[in-house]
Amino acid sequence: MRARPQVKTYLLITKLRRWARIGAYPSCYPNCSASIARRNYARLYARHESLARSAGLTPLSAYPPL
């Protein structure tokens, strides 16, 4: 991704939140399966763990609340 560091941080957090939301609430997003969203979230989380933690996301954010 080619972006300024400030913009890159914002874009990565937006991507992480998007995949977490689709994984947690798949009925709201019928065009994407929950398993693909969770896989994408897990890969982004593994690559940018400190950024995700600073945004308040955890490894379980992509799963529905109990």
PDB file of N, CA and C in Angstrom:
ATOM      1  N   MET A   1       0.839  -1.166   0.000  1.00  0.00           N
ATOM      2  CA  MET A   1       0.000   0.000   0.000  1.00  0.00           C
ATOM      3  C   MET A   1       0.893   1.241   0.000  1.00  0.00           C
ATOM      4  N   ARG A   2       0.628   2.126  -0.927  1.00  0.00           N
ATOM      5  CA  ARG A   2       1.399   3.359  -1.013  1.00  0.00           C
ATOM      6  C   ARG A   2       0.554   4.503  -0.482  1.00  0.00           C
ATOM      7  N   ALA A   3       0.886   4.927   0.695  1.00  0.00           N
ATOM      8  CA  ALA A   3       0.177   6.047   1.316  1.00  0.00           C
ATOM      9  C   ALA A   3       1.079   6.659   2.373  1.00  0.00           C
ATOM     10  N   ARG A   4       0.770   7.894   2.734  1.00  0.00           N
ATOM     11  CA  ARG A   4       1.505   8.533   3.826  1.00  0.00           C
ATOM     12  C   ARG A   4       1.269   7.730   5.106  1.00  0.00           C
ATOM     13  N   PRO A   5       2.199   7.759   6.031  1.00  0.00           N
ATOM     14  CA  PRO A   5       2.055   6.967   7.257  1.00  0.00           C
ATOM     15  C   PRO A   5       0.763   7.255   8.028  1.00  0.00           C
ATOM     16  N   GLN A   6       0.343   8.524   8.083  1.00  0.00           N
ATOM     17  CA  GLN A   6      -0.885   8.846   8.811  1.00  0.00           C
ATOM     18  C   GLN A   6      -2.098   8.242   8.117  1.00  0.00           C
ATOM     19  N   VAL A   7      -2.132   8.332   6.817  1.00  0.00           N
ATOM     20  CA  VAL A   7      -3.255   7.804   6.053  1.00  0.00           C
ATOM     21  C   VAL A   7      -3.231   6.280   6.062  1.00  0.00           C
ATOM     22  N   LYS A   8      -2.053   5.703   5.984  1.00  0.00           N
ATOM     23  CA  LYS A   8      -1.909   4.252   5.987  1.00  0.00           C
ATOM     24  C   LYS A   8      -2.452   3.656   7.282  1.00  0.00           C
ATOM     25  N   THR A   9      -2.150   4.287   8.395  1.00  0.00           N
ATOM     26  CA  THR A   9      -2.659   3.819   9.685  1.00  0.00           C
ATOM     27  C   THR A   9      -4.181   3.831   9.697  1.00  0.00           C
ATOM     28  N   TYR A  10      -4.767   4.918   9.231  1.00  0.00           N
ATOM     29  CA  TYR A  10      -6.226   5.032   9.186  1.00  0.00           C
ATOM     30  C   TYR A  10      -6.831   3.968   8.273  1.00  0.00           C
ATOM     31  N   LEU A  11      -6.227   3.748   7.110  1.00  0.00           N
ATOM     32  CA  LEU A  11      -6.752   2.759   6.174  1.00  0.00           C
ATOM     33  C   LEU A  11      -6.674   1.342   6.741  1.00  0.00           C
ATOM     34  N   LEU A  12      -5.581   1.019   7.411  1.00  0.00           N
ATOM     35  CA  LEU A  12      -5.450  -0.313   8.000  1.00  0.00           C
ATOM     36  C   LEU A  12      -6.465  -0.536   9.115  1.00  0.00           C
ATOM     37  N   ILE A  13      -6.679   0.470   9.950  1.00  0.00           N
ATOM     38  CA  ILE A  13      -7.673   0.341  11.019  1.00  0.00           C
ATOM     39  C   ILE A  13      -9.067   0.179  10.419  1.00  0.00           C
ATOM     40  N   THR A  14      -9.355   0.906   9.356  1.00  0.00           N
ATOM     41  CA  THR A  14     -10.653   0.788   8.689  1.00  0.00           C
ATOM     42  C   THR A  14     -10.851  -0.614   8.122  1.00  0.00           C
ATOM     43  N   LYS A  15      -9.799  -1.174   7.510  1.00  0.00           N
ATOM     44  CA  LYS A  15      -9.892  -2.531   6.977  1.00  0.00           C
ATOM     45  C   LYS A  15     -10.112  -3.551   8.092  1.00  0.00           C
ATOM     46  N   LEU A  16      -9.364  -3.400   9.178  1.00  0.00           N
ATOM     47  CA  LEU A  16      -9.513  -4.324  10.307  1.00  0.00           C
ATOM     48  C   LEU A  16     -10.935  -4.277  10.864  1.00  0.00           C
ATOM     49  N   ARG A  17     -11.467  -3.082  11.049  1.00  0.00           N
ATOM     50  CA  ARG A  17     -12.832  -2.948  11.581  1.00  0.00           C
ATOM     51  C   ARG A  17     -13.866  -3.514  10.625  1.00  0.00           C
ATOM     52  N   ARG A  18     -13.654  -3.310   9.325  1.00  0.00           N
ATOM     53  CA  ARG A  18     -14.604  -3.817   8.330  1.00  0.00           C
ATOM     54  C   ARG A  18     -14.673  -5.333   8.368  1.00  0.00           C
ATOM     55  N   TRP A  19     -13.516  -6.003   8.336  1.00  0.00           N
ATOM     56  CA  TRP A  19     -13.521  -7.466   8.342  1.00  0.00           C
ATOM     57  C   TRP A  19     -14.021  -8.016   9.671  1.00  0.00           C
ATOM     58  N   ALA A  20     -13.734  -7.335  10.762  1.00  0.00           N
ATOM     59  CA  ALA A  20     -14.246  -7.776  12.064  1.00  0.00           C
ATOM     60  C   ALA A  20     -15.774  -7.663  12.092  1.00  0.00           C
ATOM     61  N   ARG A  21     -16.308  -6.587  11.541  1.00  0.00           N
ATOM     62  CA  ARG A  21     -17.758  -6.383  11.523  1.00  0.00           C
ATOM     63  C   ARG A  21     -18.453  -7.427  10.652  1.00  0.00           C
ATOM     64  N   ILE A  22     -17.882  -7.725   9.489  1.00  0.00           N
ATOM     65  CA  ILE A  22     -18.488  -8.729   8.609  1.00  0.00           C
ATOM     66  C   ILE A  22     -18.419 -10.108   9.262  1.00  0.00           C
ATOM     67  N   GLY A  23     -17.312 -10.429   9.906  1.00  0.00           N
ATOM     68  CA  GLY A  23     -17.185 -11.728  10.568  1.00  0.00           C
ATOM     69  C   GLY A  23     -18.121 -11.870  11.752  1.00  0.00           C
ATOM     70  N   ALA A  24     -18.345 -10.788  12.477  1.00  0.00           N
ATOM     71  CA  ALA A  24     -19.196 -10.847  13.672  1.00  0.00           C
ATOM     72  C   ALA A  24     -20.681 -10.819  13.320  1.00  0.00           C
ATOM     73  N   TYR A  25     -21.043 -10.129  12.264  1.00  0.00           N
ATOM     74  CA  TYR A  25     -22.451  -9.988  11.876  1.00  0.00           C
ATOM     75  C   TYR A  25     -22.627 -10.338  10.401  1.00  0.00           C
ATOM     76  N   PRO A  26     -22.519 -11.619  10.040  1.00  0.00           N
ATOM     77  CA  PRO A  26     -22.568 -11.997   8.624  1.00  0.00           C
ATOM     78  C   PRO A  26     -23.936 -11.788   7.975  1.00  0.00           C
ATOM     79  N   SER A  27     -24.997 -11.761   8.745  1.00  0.00           N
ATOM     80  CA  SER A  27     -26.326 -11.583   8.138  1.00  0.00           C
ATOM     81  C   SER A  27     -26.515 -10.165   7.604  1.00  0.00           C
ATOM     82  N   CYS A  28     -25.751  -9.224   8.092  1.00  0.00           N
ATOM     83  CA  CYS A  28     -25.836  -7.843   7.605  1.00  0.00           C
ATOM     84  C   CYS A  28     -25.083  -7.652   6.295  1.00  0.00           C
ATOM     85  N   TYR A  29     -24.197  -8.593   5.976  1.00  0.00           N
ATOM     86  CA  TYR A  29     -23.371  -8.500   4.767  1.00  0.00           C
ATOM     87  C   TYR A  29     -23.488  -9.800   3.981  1.00  0.00           C
ATOM     88  N   PRO A  30     -24.583 -10.003   3.246  1.00  0.00           N
ATOM     89  CA  PRO A  30     -24.785 -11.275   2.553  1.00  0.00           C
ATOM     90  C   PRO A  30     -23.863 -11.493   1.356  1.00  0.00           C
ATOM     91  N   ASN A  31     -23.167 -10.462   0.899  1.00  0.00           N
ATOM     92  CA  ASN A  31     -22.311 -10.608  -0.274  1.00  0.00           C
ATOM     93  C   ASN A  31     -20.928 -11.158   0.046  1.00  0.00           C
ATOM     94  N   CYS A  32     -20.606 -11.365   1.314  1.00  0.00           N
ATOM     95  CA  CYS A  32     -19.300 -11.888   1.707  1.00  0.00           C
ATOM     96  C   CYS A  32     -19.498 -12.919   2.814  1.00  0.00           C
ATOM     97  N   SER A  33     -18.845 -14.059   2.669  1.00  0.00           N
ATOM     98  CA  SER A  33     -19.026 -15.089   3.688  1.00  0.00           C
ATOM     99  C   SER A  33     -18.234 -14.750   4.950  1.00  0.00           C
ATOM    100  N   ALA A  34     -18.747 -15.216   6.066  1.00  0.00           N
ATOM    101  CA  ALA A  34     -18.118 -14.928   7.354  1.00  0.00           C
ATOM    102  C   ALA A  34     -16.746 -15.584   7.463  1.00  0.00           C
ATOM    103  N   SER A  35     -16.592 -16.765   6.895  1.00  0.00           N
ATOM    104  CA  SER A  35     -15.303 -17.454   6.999  1.00  0.00           C
ATOM    105  C   SER A  35     -14.201 -16.694   6.256  1.00  0.00           C
ATOM    106  N   ILE A  36     -14.517 -16.144   5.097  1.00  0.00           N
ATOM    107  CA  ILE A  36     -13.529 -15.358   4.359  1.00  0.00           C
ATOM    108  C   ILE A  36     -13.197 -14.079   5.115  1.00  0.00           C
ATOM    109  N   ALA A  37     -14.209 -13.447   5.695  1.00  0.00           N
ATOM    110  CA  ALA A  37     -13.986 -12.227   6.468  1.00  0.00           C
ATOM    111  C   ALA A  37     -13.113 -12.510   7.684  1.00  0.00           C
ATOM    112  N   ARG A  38     -13.360 -13.619   8.360  1.00  0.00           N
ATOM    113  CA  ARG A  38     -12.550 -13.966   9.539  1.00  0.00           C
ATOM    114  C   ARG A  38     -11.121 -14.288   9.152  1.00  0.00           C
ATOM    115  N   ARG A  39     -10.945 -14.947   8.007  1.00  0.00           N
ATOM    116  CA  ARG A  39      -9.593 -15.252   7.534  1.00  0.00           C
ATOM    117  C   ARG A  39      -8.845 -13.963   7.196  1.00  0.00           C
ATOM    118  N   ASN A  40      -9.497 -13.052   6.491  1.00  0.00           N
ATOM    119  CA  ASN A  40      -8.873 -11.781   6.155  1.00  0.00           C
ATOM    120  C   ASN A  40      -8.530 -10.990   7.415  1.00  0.00           C
ATOM    121  N   TYR A  41      -9.446 -11.004   8.379  1.00  0.00           N
ATOM    122  CA  TYR A  41      -9.199 -10.302   9.638  1.00  0.00           C
ATOM    123  C   TYR A  41      -8.004 -10.917  10.370  1.00  0.00           C
ATOM    124  N   ALA A  42      -7.947 -12.240  10.425  1.00  0.00           N
ATOM    125  CA  ALA A  42      -6.857 -12.904  11.136  1.00  0.00           C
ATOM    126  C   ALA A  42      -5.505 -12.581  10.505  1.00  0.00           C
ATOM    127  N   ARG A  43      -5.455 -12.536   9.190  1.00  0.00           N
ATOM    128  CA  ARG A  43      -4.196 -12.220   8.516  1.00  0.00           C
ATOM    129  C   ARG A  43      -3.774 -10.773   8.759  1.00  0.00           C
ATOM    130  N   LEU A  44      -4.737  -9.864   8.668  1.00  0.00           N
ATOM    131  CA  LEU A  44      -4.415  -8.460   8.940  1.00  0.00           C
ATOM    132  C   LEU A  44      -4.018  -8.269  10.397  1.00  0.00           C
ATOM    133  N   TYR A  45      -4.718  -8.951  11.293  1.00  0.00           N
ATOM    134  CA  TYR A  45      -4.412  -8.822  12.718  1.00  0.00           C
ATOM    135  C   TYR A  45      -3.009  -9.337  13.012  1.00  0.00           C
ATOM    136  N   ALA A  46      -2.642 -10.457  12.415  1.00  0.00           N
ATOM    137  CA  ALA A  46      -1.307 -11.016  12.646  1.00  0.00           C
ATOM    138  C   ALA A  46      -0.215 -10.084  12.138  1.00  0.00           C
ATOM    139  N   ARG A  47      -0.483  -9.420  11.042  1.00  0.00           N
ATOM    140  CA  ARG A  47       0.521  -8.535  10.448  1.00  0.00           C
ATOM    141  C   ARG A  47       0.629  -7.203  11.186  1.00  0.00           C
ATOM    142  N   HIS A  48      -0.504  -6.710  11.710  1.00  0.00           N
ATOM    143  CA  HIS A  48      -0.556  -5.394  12.352  1.00  0.00           C
ATOM    144  C   HIS A  48      -1.181  -5.495  13.746  1.00  0.00           C
ATOM    145  N   GLU A  49      -0.627  -6.340  14.578  1.00  0.00           N
ATOM    146  CA  GLU A  49      -1.208  -6.610  15.897  1.00  0.00           C
ATOM    147  C   GLU A  49      -1.207  -5.380  16.799  1.00  0.00           C
ATOM    148  N   SER A  50      -0.128  -4.653  16.848  1.00  0.00           N
ATOM    149  CA  SER A  50      -0.062  -3.489  17.742  1.00  0.00           C
ATOM    150  C   SER A  50      -1.051  -2.407  17.309  1.00  0.00           C
ATOM    151  N   LEU A  51      -1.213  -2.243  16.021  1.00  0.00           N
ATOM    152  CA  LEU A  51      -2.164  -1.270  15.499  1.00  0.00           C
ATOM    153  C   LEU A  51      -3.600  -1.679  15.835  1.00  0.00           C
ATOM    154  N   ALA A  52      -3.889  -2.974  15.708  1.00  0.00           N
ATOM    155  CA  ALA A  52      -5.232  -3.466  16.021  1.00  0.00           C
ATOM    156  C   ALA A  52      -5.538  -3.316  17.510  1.00  0.00           C
ATOM    157  N   ARG A  53      -4.552  -3.612  18.341  1.00  0.00           N
ATOM    158  CA  ARG A  53      -4.773  -3.457  19.789  1.00  0.00           C
ATOM    159  C   ARG A  53      -5.000  -2.003  20.169  1.00  0.00           C
ATOM    160  N   SER A  54      -4.302  -1.095  19.511  1.00  0.00           N
ATOM    161  CA  SER A  54      -4.503   0.321  19.813  1.00  0.00           C
ATOM    162  C   SER A  54      -5.886   0.793  19.361  1.00  0.00           C
ATOM    163  N   ALA A  55      -6.483   0.104  18.389  1.00  0.00           N
ATOM    164  CA  ALA A  55      -7.834   0.438  17.928  1.00  0.00           C
ATOM    165  C   ALA A  55      -8.902  -0.257  18.772  1.00  0.00           C
ATOM    166  N   GLY A  56      -8.478  -1.062  19.744  1.00  0.00           N
ATOM    167  CA  GLY A  56      -9.431  -1.733  20.621  1.00  0.00           C
ATOM    168  C   GLY A  56      -9.936  -3.054  20.079  1.00  0.00           C
ATOM    169  N   LEU A  57      -9.231  -3.641  19.125  1.00  0.00           N
ATOM    170  CA  LEU A  57      -9.641  -4.915  18.544  1.00  0.00           C
ATOM    171  C   LEU A  57      -8.858  -6.055  19.175  1.00  0.00           C
ATOM    172  N   THR A  58      -9.491  -7.199  19.275  1.00  0.00           N
ATOM    173  CA  THR A  58      -8.858  -8.395  19.824  1.00  0.00           C
ATOM    174  C   THR A  58      -8.924  -9.501  18.773  1.00  0.00           C
ATOM    175  N   PRO A  59      -8.250 -10.613  18.996  1.00  0.00           N
ATOM    176  CA  PRO A  59      -8.353 -11.715  18.025  1.00  0.00           C
ATOM    177  C   PRO A  59      -9.776 -12.260  17.891  1.00  0.00           C
ATOM    178  N   LEU A  60     -10.598 -12.053  18.896  1.00  0.00           N
ATOM    179  CA  LEU A  60     -11.973 -12.564  18.851  1.00  0.00           C
ATOM    180  C   LEU A  60     -12.986 -11.542  18.358  1.00  0.00           C
ATOM    181  N   SER A  61     -12.541 -10.411  17.902  1.00  0.00           N
ATOM    182  CA  SER A  61     -13.462  -9.370  17.434  1.00  0.00           C
ATOM    183  C   SER A  61     -14.237  -9.788  16.190  1.00  0.00           C
ATOM    184  N   ALA A  62     -13.722 -10.751  15.431  1.00  0.00           N
ATOM    185  CA  ALA A  62     -14.378 -11.183  14.209  1.00  0.00           C
ATOM    186  C   ALA A  62     -15.411 -12.275  14.439  1.00  0.00           C
ATOM    187  N   TYR A  63     -15.669 -12.610  15.686  1.00  0.00           N
ATOM    188  CA  TYR A  63     -16.650 -13.653  16.001  1.00  0.00           C
ATOM    189  C   TYR A  63     -17.842 -13.021  16.700  1.00  0.00           C
ATOM    190  N   PRO A  64     -19.026 -13.604  16.526  1.00  0.00           N
ATOM    191  CA  PRO A  64     -20.231 -13.024  17.135  1.00  0.00           C
ATOM    192  C   PRO A  64     -20.138 -12.995  18.653  1.00  0.00           C
ATOM    193  N   PRO A  65     -20.701 -11.954  19.282  1.00  0.00           N
ATOM    194  CA  PRO A  65     -20.693 -11.896  20.746  1.00  0.00           C
ATOM    195  C   PRO A  65     -21.614 -12.972  21.319  1.00  0.00           C
ATOM    196  N   LEU A  66     -21.282 -13.430  22.480  1.00  0.00           N
ATOM    197  CA  LEU A  66     -22.102 -14.470  23.120  1.00  0.00           C
ATOM    198  C   LEU A  66     -23.231 -13.875  23.901  1.00  0.00           C
TER     199      LEU A  66
END
